[in-house]
Amino acid sequence: MKVWEWYFLVAIATALLITTFFTRNIYTAIGTFALAMYLKKHSHKIPLPKQFKKYSIVSQKTKTIVEAEKE
C-alpha cells in the first residue's frame, strides 16, 4: 500500500466516523470499523510525515522518552 493511499483512507475513515455519529447509522459504523482494522494491518509500513519527525514522545507511565525516526 502506498503512503498517500494509506493517509487518504485514514482521512476517509475519520470523516465516515464523524458522519456516523450524526446519522446514527450502525452499518456505516461497522464499515468504518472494518476499514480501520484493515488500515491498522498496514500501519507498521507507513512512516511518519516529515514535520512530525522532530518531536519526541514522552510516556507518562514509564517516564521514558522515545525519539521519532531520524532520516
Protein backbone atom coordinates (compact mmCIF):
# COMPACT_ATOMS: atom_id res chain seq x y z
CA MET A 1 0.00 0.00 0.00
CA LYS A 2 1.33 3.42 -0.93
CA VAL A 3 1.82 6.06 1.74
CA TRP A 4 -0.52 8.63 0.17
CA GLU A 5 -3.17 5.96 -0.28
CA TRP A 6 -2.97 4.97 3.39
CA TYR A 7 -3.25 8.57 4.61
CA PHE A 8 -6.16 9.20 2.20
CA LEU A 9 -8.03 6.17 3.54
CA VAL A 10 -7.38 7.31 7.12
CA ALA A 11 -8.92 10.69 6.28
CA ILE A 12 -11.94 8.97 4.73
CA ALA A 13 -12.36 6.69 7.77
CA THR A 14 -12.21 9.71 10.07
CA ALA A 15 -14.84 11.57 8.05
CA LEU A 16 -17.07 8.48 7.96
CA LEU A 17 -16.78 8.06 11.71
CA ILE A 18 -17.79 11.67 12.32
CA THR A 19 -20.78 11.42 9.99
CA THR A 20 -21.80 8.15 11.64
CA PHE A 21 -22.34 9.98 14.94
CA PHE A 22 -24.67 12.47 13.26
CA THR A 23 -26.64 9.98 11.15
CA ARG A 24 -26.66 7.18 13.76
CA ASN A 25 -26.20 4.58 11.03
CA ILE A 26 -24.86 1.35 12.53
CA TYR A 27 -23.93 -0.14 9.15
CA THR A 28 -21.67 2.78 8.32
CA ALA A 29 -20.07 2.44 11.76
CA ILE A 30 -19.38 -1.25 11.17
CA GLY A 31 -17.92 -0.49 7.73
CA THR A 32 -15.72 2.25 9.18
CA PHE A 33 -14.51 -0.12 11.89
CA ALA A 34 -13.63 -2.74 9.24
CA LEU A 35 -11.72 -0.10 7.27
CA ALA A 36 -9.83 0.96 10.40
CA MET A 37 -8.85 -2.65 11.15
CA TYR A 38 -7.62 -3.05 7.57
CA LEU A 39 -5.55 0.14 7.84
CA LYS A 40 -4.09 -0.97 11.17
CA LYS A 41 -2.59 -4.05 9.50
CA HIS A 42 -0.56 -1.76 7.23
CA SER A 43 0.34 0.94 9.76
CA HIS A 44 3.76 -0.52 10.61
CA LYS A 45 4.91 0.08 7.00
CA ILE A 46 3.83 3.73 6.89
CA PRO A 47 6.46 6.29 8.01
CA LEU A 48 5.63 9.41 9.98
CA PRO A 49 5.26 12.62 7.98
CA LYS A 50 8.45 14.69 7.89
CA GLN A 51 7.07 17.51 10.06
CA PHE A 52 6.48 15.10 12.99
CA LYS A 53 9.95 13.52 12.99
CA LYS A 54 11.43 16.36 15.05
CA TYR A 55 9.18 15.69 18.07
CA SER A 56 9.78 13.31 20.97
CA ILE A 57 7.18 11.11 22.62
CA VAL A 58 7.12 11.10 26.42
CA SER A 59 5.49 8.14 28.16
CA GLN A 60 3.72 9.21 31.34
CA LYS A 61 3.53 5.65 32.62
CA THR A 62 7.18 4.59 32.25
CA LYS A 63 8.70 8.12 32.23
CA THR A 64 10.75 7.30 29.11
CA ILE A 65 11.36 9.46 26.05
CA VAL A 66 11.02 7.91 22.63
CA GLU A 67 12.69 9.76 19.78
CA ALA A 68 10.96 9.82 16.41
CA GLU A 69 12.77 8.27 13.46
CA LYS A 70 15.56 10.39 12.02
CA GLU A 71 16.47 10.31 8.35
